[in-house]
Amino acid sequence: MDNAELGKRIKEARLARKMTQQDVVGDFITRNMLSQIESGTATPSVKTLTYLAKVLQLPVNYLLPDELETSEESEESSPAAEIDELKNMKAAFCLGSYDRAVELALPLSEKGCFAYDEACSILAMSYLALAKSCKDPKDGMAKARKAQDYADKGIFAKREVKASAVLLYDELAERL
């Protein structure tokens, strides 16, 4: 989604709730900044998107990019393209859209990708978060296992994530 579409969505949600720009911004951003975001001339940070989604009572997914170019769409993936994908992956994770973060991180988790280390870290933490929210213990165990696997990979390997995933896996296994 481009800035114009994002701005349009934000403005439509604001107007649907009969809110002024001043009502929305509060003390967080300036009214002028919101005006620029709504007109598509400014790109909000992840923190600002999170704030706007909360104030406008929108799911954060609604403000995330829909379709992103992936490395499969081009013959060769460039570091610049991977950086763009990395930004979207991190935004999805920060906004709590763990399924979307996984979807974006998987193509980058192949050895040799510029964003391999970050992708593995995001995958480990996303799968752990998804495992914690699973209603079905078997599904939770599968996600906890994936969290364990990715927690060992890359330069951002995290023992804490792996330990949490192992403990969660064991707890879920006891429920069966």
N, C-alpha and C. Protein backbone atom coordinates (compact mmCIF):
# COMPACT_ATOMS: atom_id res chain seq x y z
N MET A 1 0.86 -1.17 0.00
CA MET A 1 0.00 0.00 0.00
C MET A 1 0.90 1.23 0.00
N ASP A 2 0.57 2.17 -0.84
CA ASP A 2 1.37 3.39 -0.91
C ASP A 2 0.87 4.40 0.12
N ASN A 3 1.61 5.50 0.26
CA ASN A 3 1.26 6.53 1.25
C ASN A 3 -0.12 7.12 1.01
N ALA A 4 -0.49 7.29 -0.26
CA ALA A 4 -1.80 7.87 -0.57
C ALA A 4 -2.93 6.97 -0.07
N GLU A 5 -2.80 5.66 -0.31
CA GLU A 5 -3.83 4.72 0.15
C GLU A 5 -3.87 4.67 1.68
N LEU A 6 -2.71 4.67 2.32
CA LEU A 6 -2.66 4.66 3.78
C LEU A 6 -3.34 5.91 4.33
N GLY A 7 -3.01 7.06 3.76
CA GLY A 7 -3.62 8.31 4.20
C GLY A 7 -5.13 8.31 4.03
N LYS A 8 -5.57 7.77 2.91
CA LYS A 8 -7.01 7.68 2.63
C LYS A 8 -7.70 6.81 3.68
N ARG A 9 -7.10 5.68 4.02
CA ARG A 9 -7.70 4.79 5.02
C ARG A 9 -7.80 5.48 6.38
N ILE A 10 -6.74 6.18 6.75
CA ILE A 10 -6.73 6.86 8.05
C ILE A 10 -7.79 7.96 8.07
N LYS A 11 -7.85 8.75 7.01
CA LYS A 11 -8.82 9.85 6.95
C LYS A 11 -10.25 9.31 6.97
N GLU A 12 -10.52 8.26 6.20
CA GLU A 12 -11.86 7.67 6.17
C GLU A 12 -12.27 7.16 7.56
N ALA A 13 -11.33 6.53 8.26
CA ALA A 13 -11.63 6.02 9.61
C ALA A 13 -11.90 7.18 10.56
N ARG A 14 -11.11 8.24 10.44
CA ARG A 14 -11.30 9.42 11.30
C ARG A 14 -12.67 10.04 11.06
N LEU A 15 -13.02 10.25 9.80
CA LEU A 15 -14.30 10.86 9.46
C LEU A 15 -15.48 9.97 9.85
N ALA A 16 -15.31 8.66 9.69
CA ALA A 16 -16.38 7.72 10.06
C ALA A 16 -16.66 7.79 11.57
N ARG A 17 -15.66 8.13 12.34
CA ARG A 17 -15.82 8.25 13.79
C ARG A 17 -16.13 9.68 14.22
N LYS A 18 -16.32 10.54 13.21
CA LYS A 18 -16.66 11.95 13.45
C LYS A 18 -15.63 12.63 14.36
N MET A 19 -14.37 12.35 14.07
CA MET A 19 -13.28 12.94 14.85
C MET A 19 -12.57 14.00 14.01
N THR A 20 -12.14 15.06 14.67
CA THR A 20 -11.31 16.06 13.99
C THR A 20 -9.88 15.58 14.03
N GLN A 21 -9.04 16.21 13.23
CA GLN A 21 -7.62 15.87 13.27
C GLN A 21 -7.07 16.11 14.67
N GLN A 22 -7.49 17.19 15.30
CA GLN A 22 -7.01 17.50 16.65
C GLN A 22 -7.42 16.43 17.65
N ASP A 23 -8.64 15.88 17.49
CA ASP A 23 -9.09 14.79 18.36
C ASP A 23 -8.16 13.58 18.24
N VAL A 24 -7.72 13.31 17.03
CA VAL A 24 -6.90 12.12 16.78
C VAL A 24 -5.48 12.31 17.31
N VAL A 25 -4.88 13.45 17.06
CA VAL A 25 -3.45 13.62 17.37
C VAL A 25 -3.15 13.72 18.85
N GLY A 26 -4.06 14.31 19.63
CA GLY A 26 -3.79 14.46 21.05
C GLY A 26 -2.44 15.14 21.26
N ASP A 27 -1.63 14.56 22.13
CA ASP A 27 -0.29 15.09 22.39
C ASP A 27 0.78 14.26 21.70
N PHE A 28 0.36 13.32 20.85
CA PHE A 28 1.31 12.37 20.28
C PHE A 28 2.05 12.93 19.06
N ILE A 29 1.29 13.43 18.08
CA ILE A 29 1.89 14.06 16.90
C ILE A 29 1.18 15.39 16.66
N THR A 30 1.69 16.18 15.74
CA THR A 30 1.04 17.45 15.44
C THR A 30 -0.11 17.24 14.46
N ARG A 31 -1.04 18.18 14.48
CA ARG A 31 -2.14 18.13 13.53
C ARG A 31 -1.61 18.24 12.11
N ASN A 32 -0.57 19.05 11.93
CA ASN A 32 0.05 19.20 10.61
C ASN A 32 0.62 17.87 10.12
N MET A 33 1.24 17.10 11.00
CA MET A 33 1.80 15.80 10.62
C MET A 33 0.67 14.86 10.19
N LEU A 34 -0.43 14.84 10.94
CA LEU A 34 -1.56 13.99 10.56
C LEU A 34 -2.10 14.42 9.20
N SER A 35 -2.16 15.71 8.96
CA SER A 35 -2.63 16.21 7.67
C SER A 35 -1.73 15.70 6.54
N GLN A 36 -0.42 15.72 6.77
CA GLN A 36 0.52 15.23 5.76
C GLN A 36 0.38 13.72 5.55
N ILE A 37 0.15 12.99 6.62
CA ILE A 37 -0.04 11.54 6.52
C ILE A 37 -1.32 11.25 5.72
N GLU A 38 -2.41 11.96 6.06
CA GLU A 38 -3.68 11.75 5.36
C GLU A 38 -3.60 12.12 3.88
N SER A 39 -2.77 13.11 3.56
CA SER A 39 -2.65 13.51 2.14
C SER A 39 -1.64 12.66 1.39
N GLY A 40 -0.94 11.78 2.11
CA GLY A 40 0.02 10.89 1.45
C GLY A 40 1.39 11.51 1.24
N THR A 41 1.66 12.66 1.84
CA THR A 41 2.96 13.31 1.64
C THR A 41 3.96 12.98 2.74
N ALA A 42 3.52 12.27 3.78
CA ALA A 42 4.42 11.86 4.86
C ALA A 42 4.22 10.39 5.14
N THR A 43 5.29 9.72 5.52
CA THR A 43 5.25 8.31 5.88
C THR A 43 5.34 8.19 7.40
N PRO A 44 4.32 7.65 8.05
CA PRO A 44 4.36 7.55 9.51
C PRO A 44 5.30 6.43 9.96
N SER A 45 5.85 6.59 11.15
CA SER A 45 6.68 5.54 11.74
C SER A 45 5.78 4.42 12.24
N VAL A 46 6.38 3.30 12.61
CA VAL A 46 5.62 2.18 13.15
C VAL A 46 4.93 2.61 14.44
N LYS A 47 5.62 3.39 15.24
CA LYS A 47 5.05 3.87 16.50
C LYS A 47 3.82 4.74 16.23
N THR A 48 3.91 5.60 15.22
CA THR A 48 2.77 6.45 14.87
C THR A 48 1.62 5.62 14.32
N LEU A 49 1.92 4.63 13.47
CA LEU A 49 0.87 3.74 12.95
C LEU A 49 0.15 3.02 14.09
N THR A 50 0.92 2.55 15.05
CA THR A 50 0.34 1.84 16.19
C THR A 50 -0.59 2.78 16.96
N TYR A 51 -0.13 4.00 17.19
CA TYR A 51 -0.94 5.00 17.89
C TYR A 51 -2.23 5.28 17.13
N LEU A 52 -2.11 5.56 15.83
CA LEU A 52 -3.29 5.89 15.02
C LEU A 52 -4.29 4.73 15.00
N ALA A 53 -3.79 3.51 14.87
CA ALA A 53 -4.68 2.34 14.87
C ALA A 53 -5.45 2.26 16.17
N LYS A 54 -4.77 2.54 17.28
CA LYS A 54 -5.43 2.47 18.58
C LYS A 54 -6.49 3.56 18.72
N VAL A 55 -6.13 4.79 18.40
CA VAL A 55 -7.05 5.91 18.53
C VAL A 55 -8.26 5.75 17.61
N LEU A 56 -8.02 5.27 16.40
CA LEU A 56 -9.10 5.11 15.43
C LEU A 56 -9.82 3.77 15.54
N GLN A 57 -9.40 2.98 16.51
CA GLN A 57 -10.01 1.66 16.76
C GLN A 57 -9.97 0.79 15.52
N LEU A 58 -8.79 0.74 14.90
CA LEU A 58 -8.58 -0.07 13.71
C LEU A 58 -7.66 -1.23 14.04
N PRO A 59 -7.83 -2.37 13.38
CA PRO A 59 -6.82 -3.41 13.52
C PRO A 59 -5.53 -2.93 12.86
N VAL A 60 -4.41 -3.18 13.50
CA VAL A 60 -3.15 -2.68 12.95
C VAL A 60 -2.88 -3.25 11.56
N ASN A 61 -3.39 -4.43 11.27
CA ASN A 61 -3.20 -5.02 9.93
C ASN A 61 -3.78 -4.13 8.85
N TYR A 62 -4.82 -3.37 9.19
CA TYR A 62 -5.48 -2.50 8.23
C TYR A 62 -4.55 -1.40 7.74
N LEU A 63 -3.55 -1.06 8.55
CA LEU A 63 -2.62 0.00 8.18
C LEU A 63 -1.28 -0.53 7.67
N LEU A 64 -1.17 -1.84 7.53
CA LEU A 64 0.07 -2.44 7.01
C LEU A 64 -0.03 -2.61 5.50
N PRO A 65 1.12 -2.66 4.83
CA PRO A 65 1.11 -2.90 3.38
C PRO A 65 0.41 -4.22 3.07
N ASP A 66 -0.37 -4.23 1.97
CA ASP A 66 -1.07 -5.45 1.57
C ASP A 66 -0.13 -6.43 0.90
N GLU A 67 0.25 -6.11 -0.30
CA GLU A 67 1.11 -7.00 -1.08
C GLU A 67 2.48 -6.35 -1.22
N LEU A 68 3.49 -7.10 -0.89
CA LEU A 68 4.84 -6.58 -1.00
C LEU A 68 5.60 -7.36 -2.05
N GLU A 69 6.53 -6.71 -2.70
CA GLU A 69 7.37 -7.43 -3.64
C GLU A 69 8.24 -8.38 -2.85
N THR A 70 8.36 -9.59 -3.33
CA THR A 70 9.23 -10.55 -2.68
C THR A 70 10.39 -10.85 -3.60
N SER A 71 11.40 -11.50 -3.04
CA SER A 71 12.58 -11.80 -3.83
C SER A 71 12.26 -12.76 -4.97
N GLU A 72 11.13 -13.46 -4.91
CA GLU A 72 10.75 -14.38 -5.98
C GLU A 72 10.31 -13.64 -7.25
N GLU A 73 9.92 -12.38 -7.09
CA GLU A 73 9.42 -11.64 -8.23
C GLU A 73 10.52 -11.13 -9.14
N SER A 74 11.74 -11.14 -8.67
CA SER A 74 12.85 -10.72 -9.50
C SER A 74 13.84 -11.86 -9.62
N GLU A 75 14.60 -11.85 -10.69
CA GLU A 75 15.58 -12.92 -10.90
C GLU A 75 16.56 -12.98 -9.74
N GLU A 76 17.05 -11.81 -9.34
CA GLU A 76 17.98 -11.74 -8.23
C GLU A 76 17.44 -10.78 -7.20
N SER A 77 17.58 -11.13 -5.93
CA SER A 77 17.14 -10.25 -4.87
C SER A 77 18.28 -9.31 -4.52
N SER A 78 18.01 -8.04 -4.53
CA SER A 78 19.04 -7.06 -4.20
C SER A 78 18.96 -6.74 -2.72
N PRO A 79 20.08 -6.32 -2.13
CA PRO A 79 20.03 -5.90 -0.73
C PRO A 79 19.02 -4.78 -0.50
N ALA A 80 18.87 -3.86 -1.46
CA ALA A 80 17.91 -2.77 -1.30
C ALA A 80 16.48 -3.31 -1.21
N ALA A 81 16.14 -4.28 -2.05
CA ALA A 81 14.80 -4.87 -2.01
C ALA A 81 14.60 -5.63 -0.69
N GLU A 82 15.63 -6.32 -0.24
CA GLU A 82 15.53 -7.06 1.02
C GLU A 82 15.39 -6.10 2.20
N ILE A 83 16.02 -4.94 2.13
CA ILE A 83 15.88 -3.95 3.20
C ILE A 83 14.43 -3.47 3.27
N ASP A 84 13.81 -3.24 2.12
CA ASP A 84 12.40 -2.85 2.11
C ASP A 84 11.54 -3.95 2.73
N GLU A 85 11.80 -5.19 2.37
CA GLU A 85 11.06 -6.32 2.93
C GLU A 85 11.31 -6.42 4.43
N LEU A 86 12.55 -6.18 4.84
CA LEU A 86 12.91 -6.22 6.25
C LEU A 86 12.14 -5.17 7.04
N LYS A 87 12.02 -3.98 6.49
CA LYS A 87 11.26 -2.91 7.17
C LYS A 87 9.81 -3.33 7.37
N ASN A 88 9.20 -3.91 6.35
CA ASN A 88 7.81 -4.35 6.46
C ASN A 88 7.66 -5.50 7.45
N MET A 89 8.63 -6.40 7.45
CA MET A 89 8.61 -7.52 8.38
C MET A 89 8.69 -7.02 9.82
N LYS A 90 9.60 -6.08 10.07
CA LYS A 90 9.76 -5.53 11.41
C LYS A 90 8.52 -4.75 11.84
N ALA A 91 7.93 -4.02 10.90
CA ALA A 91 6.71 -3.27 11.21
C ALA A 91 5.59 -4.22 11.62
N ALA A 92 5.43 -5.29 10.86
CA ALA A 92 4.39 -6.27 11.18
C ALA A 92 4.62 -6.86 12.58
N PHE A 93 5.87 -7.19 12.88
CA PHE A 93 6.18 -7.75 14.19
C PHE A 93 5.89 -6.75 15.30
N CYS A 94 6.35 -5.52 15.12
CA CYS A 94 6.15 -4.48 16.14
C CYS A 94 4.68 -4.18 16.38
N LEU A 95 3.87 -4.35 15.36
CA LEU A 95 2.44 -4.09 15.49
C LEU A 95 1.67 -5.32 15.99
N GLY A 96 2.40 -6.40 16.29
CA GLY A 96 1.76 -7.61 16.81
C GLY A 96 1.09 -8.47 15.75
N SER A 97 1.40 -8.22 14.49
CA SER A 97 0.85 -9.02 13.39
C SER A 97 1.82 -10.17 13.10
N TYR A 98 1.84 -11.13 14.01
CA TYR A 98 2.85 -12.19 13.95
C TYR A 98 2.71 -13.09 12.74
N ASP A 99 1.49 -13.39 12.33
CA ASP A 99 1.31 -14.20 11.12
C ASP A 99 1.90 -13.49 9.90
N ARG A 100 1.66 -12.19 9.81
CA ARG A 100 2.19 -11.40 8.69
C ARG A 100 3.71 -11.32 8.77
N ALA A 101 4.25 -11.18 9.98
CA ALA A 101 5.70 -11.13 10.15
C ALA A 101 6.33 -12.44 9.68
N VAL A 102 5.70 -13.56 10.02
CA VAL A 102 6.21 -14.86 9.57
C VAL A 102 6.17 -14.94 8.05
N GLU A 103 5.05 -14.54 7.48
CA GLU A 103 4.89 -14.58 6.02
C GLU A 103 5.98 -13.78 5.32
N LEU A 104 6.32 -12.63 5.87
CA LEU A 104 7.33 -11.77 5.27
C LEU A 104 8.76 -12.26 5.55
N ALA A 105 8.95 -12.90 6.70
CA ALA A 105 10.29 -13.31 7.10
C ALA A 105 10.74 -14.62 6.45
N LEU A 106 9.81 -15.50 6.16
CA LEU A 106 10.19 -16.81 5.62
C LEU A 106 11.08 -16.73 4.37
N PRO A 107 10.74 -15.90 3.37
CA PRO A 107 11.62 -15.84 2.19
C PRO A 107 13.02 -15.29 2.50
N LEU A 108 13.12 -14.52 3.58
CA LEU A 108 14.41 -13.92 3.94
C LEU A 108 15.24 -14.82 4.86
N SER A 109 14.67 -15.96 5.25
CA SER A 109 15.36 -16.83 6.20
C SER A 109 16.25 -17.87 5.52
N GLU A 110 16.45 -17.70 4.23
CA GLU A 110 17.33 -18.61 3.50
C GLU A 110 18.76 -18.10 3.62
N LYS A 111 19.68 -19.02 3.85
CA LYS A 111 21.10 -18.63 3.93
C LYS A 111 21.47 -17.85 2.68
N GLY A 112 22.25 -16.82 2.87
CA GLY A 112 22.71 -16.02 1.75
C GLY A 112 21.90 -14.75 1.56
N CYS A 113 20.71 -14.69 2.16
CA CYS A 113 19.92 -13.47 2.07
C CYS A 113 20.56 -12.40 2.95
N PHE A 114 20.50 -11.18 2.47
CA PHE A 114 21.05 -10.05 3.20
C PHE A 114 20.43 -9.94 4.60
N ALA A 115 19.14 -10.20 4.72
CA ALA A 115 18.41 -10.02 5.97
C ALA A 115 18.22 -11.33 6.73
N TYR A 116 19.04 -12.34 6.45
CA TYR A 116 18.91 -13.66 7.05
C TYR A 116 18.86 -13.61 8.58
N ASP A 117 19.80 -12.92 9.19
CA ASP A 117 19.89 -12.91 10.65
C ASP A 117 18.65 -12.29 11.29
N GLU A 118 18.22 -11.16 10.75
CA GLU A 118 17.03 -10.49 11.28
C GLU A 118 15.78 -11.34 11.07
N ALA A 119 15.69 -11.97 9.90
CA ALA A 119 14.53 -12.80 9.60
C ALA A 119 14.42 -13.97 10.58
N CYS A 120 15.54 -14.61 10.86
CA CYS A 120 15.52 -15.74 11.80
C CYS A 120 15.10 -15.28 13.20
N SER A 121 15.59 -14.13 13.62
CA SER A 121 15.22 -13.60 14.93
C SER A 121 13.73 -13.28 15.00
N ILE A 122 13.22 -12.61 13.97
CA ILE A 122 11.78 -12.28 13.92
C ILE A 122 10.94 -13.56 13.87
N LEU A 123 11.39 -14.55 13.10
CA LEU A 123 10.65 -15.81 13.02
C LEU A 123 10.59 -16.49 14.39
N ALA A 124 11.71 -16.53 15.10
CA ALA A 124 11.73 -17.16 16.41
C ALA A 124 10.75 -16.48 17.36
N MET A 125 10.81 -15.17 17.41
CA MET A 125 9.93 -14.44 18.34
C MET A 125 8.47 -14.48 17.90
N SER A 126 8.22 -14.43 16.59
CA SER A 126 6.85 -14.49 16.09
C SER A 126 6.22 -15.85 16.34
N TYR A 127 6.97 -16.91 16.03
CA TYR A 127 6.43 -18.25 16.28
C TYR A 127 6.17 -18.48 17.77
N LEU A 128 7.03 -17.94 18.63
CA LEU A 128 6.80 -18.07 20.07
C LEU A 128 5.51 -17.35 20.47
N ALA A 129 5.32 -16.14 19.98
CA ALA A 129 4.09 -15.39 20.29
C ALA A 129 2.86 -16.13 19.76
N LEU A 130 2.96 -16.67 18.55
CA LEU A 130 1.83 -17.42 17.98
C LEU A 130 1.55 -18.68 18.78
N ALA A 131 2.60 -19.36 19.23
CA ALA A 131 2.43 -20.58 20.03
C ALA A 131 1.72 -20.28 21.34
N LYS A 132 2.04 -19.15 21.93
CA LYS A 132 1.40 -18.77 23.20
C LYS A 132 -0.09 -18.51 23.04
N SER A 133 -0.50 -18.08 21.85
CA SER A 133 -1.90 -17.74 21.65
C SER A 133 -2.73 -18.87 21.03
N CYS A 134 -2.11 -20.01 20.78
CA CYS A 134 -2.82 -21.13 20.15
C CYS A 134 -3.81 -21.78 21.11
N LYS A 135 -4.99 -22.04 20.61
CA LYS A 135 -6.00 -22.77 21.40
C LYS A 135 -5.73 -24.27 21.34
N ASP A 136 -5.26 -24.74 20.19
CA ASP A 136 -4.98 -26.16 19.99
C ASP A 136 -3.55 -26.47 20.44
N PRO A 137 -3.39 -27.33 21.45
CA PRO A 137 -2.04 -27.64 21.93
C PRO A 137 -1.10 -28.19 20.85
N LYS A 138 -1.62 -29.01 19.92
CA LYS A 138 -0.76 -29.55 18.87
C LYS A 138 -0.23 -28.45 17.96
N ASP A 139 -1.10 -27.52 17.61
CA ASP A 139 -0.69 -26.39 16.78
C ASP A 139 0.32 -25.53 17.55
N GLY A 140 0.06 -25.31 18.82
CA GLY A 140 0.99 -24.54 19.65
C GLY A 140 2.34 -25.21 19.75
N MET A 141 2.33 -26.53 19.88
CA MET A 141 3.60 -27.28 19.95
C MET A 141 4.38 -27.14 18.66
N ALA A 142 3.69 -27.20 17.52
CA ALA A 142 4.37 -27.07 16.23
C ALA A 142 5.01 -25.69 16.10
N LYS A 143 4.30 -24.67 16.54
CA LYS A 143 4.84 -23.32 16.45
C LYS A 143 5.99 -23.12 17.46
N ALA A 144 5.85 -23.72 18.64
CA ALA A 144 6.93 -23.64 19.63
C ALA A 144 8.19 -24.33 19.11
N ARG A 145 8.02 -25.44 18.40
CA ARG A 145 9.16 -26.15 17.82
C ARG A 145 9.85 -25.28 16.78
N LYS A 146 9.05 -24.59 15.94
CA LYS A 146 9.63 -23.69 14.94
C LYS A 146 10.37 -22.55 15.63
N ALA A 147 9.81 -22.04 16.72
CA ALA A 147 10.49 -20.97 17.47
C ALA A 147 11.84 -21.46 17.98
N GLN A 148 11.87 -22.69 18.47
CA GLN A 148 13.14 -23.27 18.93
C GLN A 148 14.16 -23.33 17.80
N ASP A 149 13.70 -23.82 16.65
CA ASP A 149 14.61 -23.98 15.51
C ASP A 149 15.19 -22.64 15.06
N TYR A 150 14.36 -21.63 14.93
CA TYR A 150 14.84 -20.33 14.46
C TYR A 150 15.63 -19.58 15.53
N ALA A 151 15.37 -19.88 16.80
CA ALA A 151 16.09 -19.19 17.87
C ALA A 151 17.58 -19.54 17.87
N ASP A 152 17.95 -20.64 17.23
CA ASP A 152 19.35 -21.06 17.16
C ASP A 152 20.09 -20.49 15.95
N LYS A 153 19.40 -19.85 15.05
CA LYS A 153 20.00 -19.44 13.78
C LYS A 153 20.39 -17.97 13.77
N GLY A 154 21.42 -17.66 13.03
CA GLY A 154 21.82 -16.27 12.80
C GLY A 154 22.60 -15.68 13.95
N ILE A 155 23.09 -14.47 13.71
CA ILE A 155 23.91 -13.82 14.73
C ILE A 155 23.08 -13.27 15.88
N PHE A 156 21.76 -13.22 15.71
CA PHE A 156 20.89 -12.74 16.77
C PHE A 156 20.22 -13.90 17.51
N ALA A 157 20.85 -15.07 17.49
CA ALA A 157 20.31 -16.24 18.17
C ALA A 157 20.04 -15.89 19.63
N LYS A 158 18.91 -16.31 20.13
CA LYS A 158 18.50 -15.94 21.49
C LYS A 158 18.22 -17.18 22.32
N ARG A 159 19.02 -17.37 23.34
CA ARG A 159 18.80 -18.50 24.24
C ARG A 159 17.49 -18.34 25.00
N GLU A 160 17.14 -17.08 25.33
CA GLU A 160 15.91 -16.84 26.09
C GLU A 160 14.68 -17.27 25.30
N VAL A 161 14.68 -16.97 24.00
CA VAL A 161 13.54 -17.34 23.16
C VAL A 161 13.48 -18.86 23.06
N LYS A 162 14.62 -19.48 22.87
CA LYS A 162 14.64 -20.94 22.77
C LYS A 162 14.17 -21.58 24.07
N ALA A 163 14.65 -21.07 25.21
CA ALA A 163 14.24 -21.62 26.50
C ALA A 163 12.74 -21.44 26.71
N SER A 164 12.21 -20.28 26.36
CA SER A 164 10.77 -20.05 26.49
C SER A 164 9.98 -21.00 25.60
N ALA A 165 10.47 -21.22 24.39
CA ALA A 165 9.80 -22.12 23.46
C ALA A 165 9.82 -23.56 23.97
N VAL A 166 10.95 -23.98 24.54
CA VAL A 166 11.05 -25.34 25.08
C VAL A 166 10.07 -25.52 26.24
N LEU A 167 10.02 -24.53 27.13
CA LEU A 167 9.10 -24.62 28.28
C LEU A 167 7.64 -24.63 27.82
N LEU A 168 7.32 -23.78 26.86
CA LEU A 168 5.95 -23.74 26.34
C LEU A 168 5.60 -25.06 25.66
N TYR A 169 6.53 -25.61 24.89
CA TYR A 169 6.31 -26.89 24.23
C TYR A 169 5.96 -27.97 25.27
N ASP A 170 6.74 -28.00 26.33
CA ASP A 170 6.51 -28.99 27.39
C ASP A 170 5.14 -28.79 28.07
N GLU A 171 4.78 -27.53 28.33
CA GLU A 171 3.48 -27.24 28.94
C GLU A 171 2.34 -27.70 28.02
N LEU A 172 2.47 -27.42 26.73
CA LEU A 172 1.43 -27.83 25.79
C LEU A 172 1.37 -29.35 25.65
N ALA A 173 2.51 -30.00 25.70
CA ALA A 173 2.55 -31.45 25.59
C ALA A 173 1.83 -32.10 26.77
N GLU A 174 1.93 -31.47 27.94
CA GLU A 174 1.25 -32.01 29.11
C GLU A 174 -0.27 -31.93 29.00
N ARG A 175 -0.77 -30.98 28.21
CA ARG A 175 -2.22 -30.82 28.02
C ARG A 175 -2.82 -31.93 27.17
N LEU A 176 -1.97 -32.59 26.37
CA LEU A 176 -2.50 -33.64 25.48
C LEU A 176 -2.83 -34.91 26.21
